[in-house]
């Protein structure tokens, strides 16, 4: 069981790192899931991710005070808006699908925007 959870942690770490380079992939959520998985399976990898010079900053900020870097907020909300626009222009045949997607993404965007903004390295 421990190795399965550790493997899941590595998978989420890989997806989180990919999210830093791919604009359509979230990174923070996968890193937080990986951190959880490592906390249950390997303190060594938990500490590696938590104190990583590049990826640890975001994880520590969320853990400390639930803050999100301003760049991540802009990226997340921009991608949500772009998704609704793409669906509206290229996919949907009526207004129902874009409005439904917007109705789902608007509260998520509001949640992201209302979290504290990361101002210093925790």
Protein backbone atom coordinates (compact mmCIF):
# COMPACT_ATOMS: atom_id res chain seq x y z
CA UNK A 1 0.00 0.00 0.00
CA UNK A 2 2.83 2.38 0.92
CA UNK A 3 4.53 1.95 -2.45
CA UNK A 4 1.25 2.45 -4.28
CA UNK A 5 0.70 5.77 -2.51
CA UNK A 6 4.32 6.73 -3.17
CA UNK A 7 3.88 5.91 -6.85
CA UNK A 8 0.76 8.06 -6.89
CA UNK A 9 2.83 10.85 -5.34
CA UNK A 10 5.42 10.57 -8.10
CA UNK A 11 2.70 10.59 -10.75
CA UNK A 12 1.18 13.76 -9.27
CA UNK A 13 4.63 15.34 -8.97
CA UNK A 14 5.24 14.69 -12.66
CA UNK A 15 1.86 16.15 -13.58
CA UNK A 16 2.54 19.16 -11.35
CA UNK A 17 5.91 19.80 -12.96
CA UNK A 18 4.33 19.45 -16.42
CA UNK A 19 1.81 22.08 -15.35
CA UNK A 20 4.59 24.64 -15.01
CA UNK A 21 5.32 24.25 -18.72
CA UNK A 22 1.90 23.45 -20.21
CA UNK A 23 -0.59 26.30 -20.01
CA UNK A 24 -3.64 24.02 -19.82
CA UNK A 25 -2.35 21.92 -16.90
CA UNK A 26 -2.71 23.08 -13.31
CA UNK A 27 0.43 22.55 -11.28
CA UNK A 28 -0.31 23.48 -7.69
CA UNK A 29 -3.16 21.05 -7.13
CA UNK A 30 -1.08 18.11 -8.35
CA UNK A 31 1.84 19.16 -6.15
CA UNK A 32 -0.47 19.41 -3.14
CA UNK A 33 -1.85 15.94 -3.84
CA UNK A 34 1.72 14.64 -4.23
CA UNK A 35 2.67 16.24 -0.93
CA UNK A 36 -0.24 14.48 0.75
CA UNK A 37 0.73 11.15 -0.83
CA UNK A 38 4.34 11.53 0.26
CA UNK A 39 3.23 12.47 3.79
CA UNK A 40 1.55 9.05 3.95
CA UNK A 41 4.37 7.09 2.32
CA UNK A 42 7.79 8.74 2.47
CA UNK A 43 8.97 11.58 4.69
CA UNK A 44 12.10 11.82 2.52
CA UNK A 45 10.13 12.66 -0.63
CA UNK A 46 7.68 14.80 1.36
CA UNK A 47 10.57 16.96 2.55
CA UNK A 48 12.15 16.97 -0.91
CA UNK A 49 8.98 18.41 -2.43
CA UNK A 50 8.15 20.71 0.47
CA UNK A 51 11.60 22.33 0.45
CA UNK A 52 12.26 22.14 -3.29
CA UNK A 53 13.79 25.44 -4.48
CA UNK A 54 11.36 25.86 -7.38
CA UNK A 55 8.22 23.89 -6.58
CA UNK A 56 8.22 24.09 -2.79
CA UNK A 57 7.44 27.82 -2.63
CA UNK A 58 3.89 27.38 -3.86
CA UNK A 59 3.26 24.32 -1.69
CA UNK A 60 4.62 26.04 1.43
CA UNK A 61 2.54 29.17 0.73
CA UNK A 62 -0.65 27.13 0.48
CA UNK A 63 0.23 25.10 3.57
CA UNK A 64 1.13 28.17 5.63
CA UNK A 65 -1.72 30.59 4.89
CA UNK A 66 -3.65 29.27 1.87
CA UNK A 67 -2.10 31.94 -0.36
CA UNK A 68 -1.66 31.74 -4.13
CA UNK A 69 0.99 33.58 -6.17
CA UNK A 70 -0.46 36.39 -8.29
CA UNK A 71 0.96 34.79 -11.45
CA UNK A 72 -0.92 31.58 -10.69
CA UNK A 73 -4.14 33.50 -10.08
CA UNK A 74 -3.84 35.32 -13.39
CA UNK A 75 -2.97 32.13 -15.25
CA UNK A 76 -5.84 30.15 -13.74
CA UNK A 77 -8.51 32.76 -14.31
CA UNK A 78 -7.22 33.56 -17.81
CA UNK A 79 -7.28 29.88 -18.80
CA UNK A 80 -10.82 29.51 -17.48
CA UNK A 81 -12.00 32.52 -19.45
CA UNK A 82 -10.16 31.29 -22.55
CA UNK A 83 -11.80 27.87 -22.18
CA UNK A 84 -15.28 29.38 -22.10
CA UNK A 85 -14.44 31.55 -25.11
CA UNK A 86 -13.06 28.62 -27.13
CA UNK A 87 -16.09 26.49 -26.35
CA UNK A 88 -18.43 29.35 -27.25
CA UNK A 89 -16.73 30.10 -30.56
CA UNK A 90 -15.54 26.72 -31.82
CA UNK A 91 -17.53 23.96 -30.08
CA UNK A 92 -20.98 25.00 -28.97
CA UNK A 93 -24.00 25.07 -31.27
CA UNK A 94 -26.08 27.04 -28.76
CA UNK A 95 -25.61 29.19 -25.69
CA UNK A 96 -26.31 26.34 -23.24
CA UNK A 97 -22.85 24.74 -23.13
CA UNK A 98 -20.79 27.95 -22.75
CA UNK A 99 -23.17 29.30 -20.11
CA UNK A 100 -23.06 25.99 -18.22
CA UNK A 101 -19.27 25.94 -18.27
CA UNK A 102 -19.13 29.59 -17.21
CA UNK A 103 -21.55 28.84 -14.36
CA UNK A 104 -19.23 26.10 -13.12
CA UNK A 105 -15.97 28.03 -13.57
CA UNK A 106 -17.13 31.38 -12.13
CA UNK A 107 -17.32 30.22 -8.49
CA UNK A 108 -13.97 28.46 -8.90
CA UNK A 109 -12.41 31.64 -10.28
CA UNK A 110 -13.97 33.64 -7.44
CA UNK A 111 -12.46 31.24 -4.92
CA UNK A 112 -9.02 31.57 -6.50
CA UNK A 113 -9.18 35.36 -6.70
CA UNK A 114 -10.32 35.73 -3.08
CA UNK A 115 -7.46 33.68 -1.62
CA UNK A 116 -4.63 35.72 -0.12
CA UNK A 117 -1.89 36.62 -2.57
CA UNK A 118 1.57 35.25 -1.91
CA UNK A 119 3.77 38.26 -1.20
CA UNK A 120 6.93 36.73 0.21
CA UNK A 121 8.64 33.37 0.24
CA UNK A 122 7.26 31.38 3.16
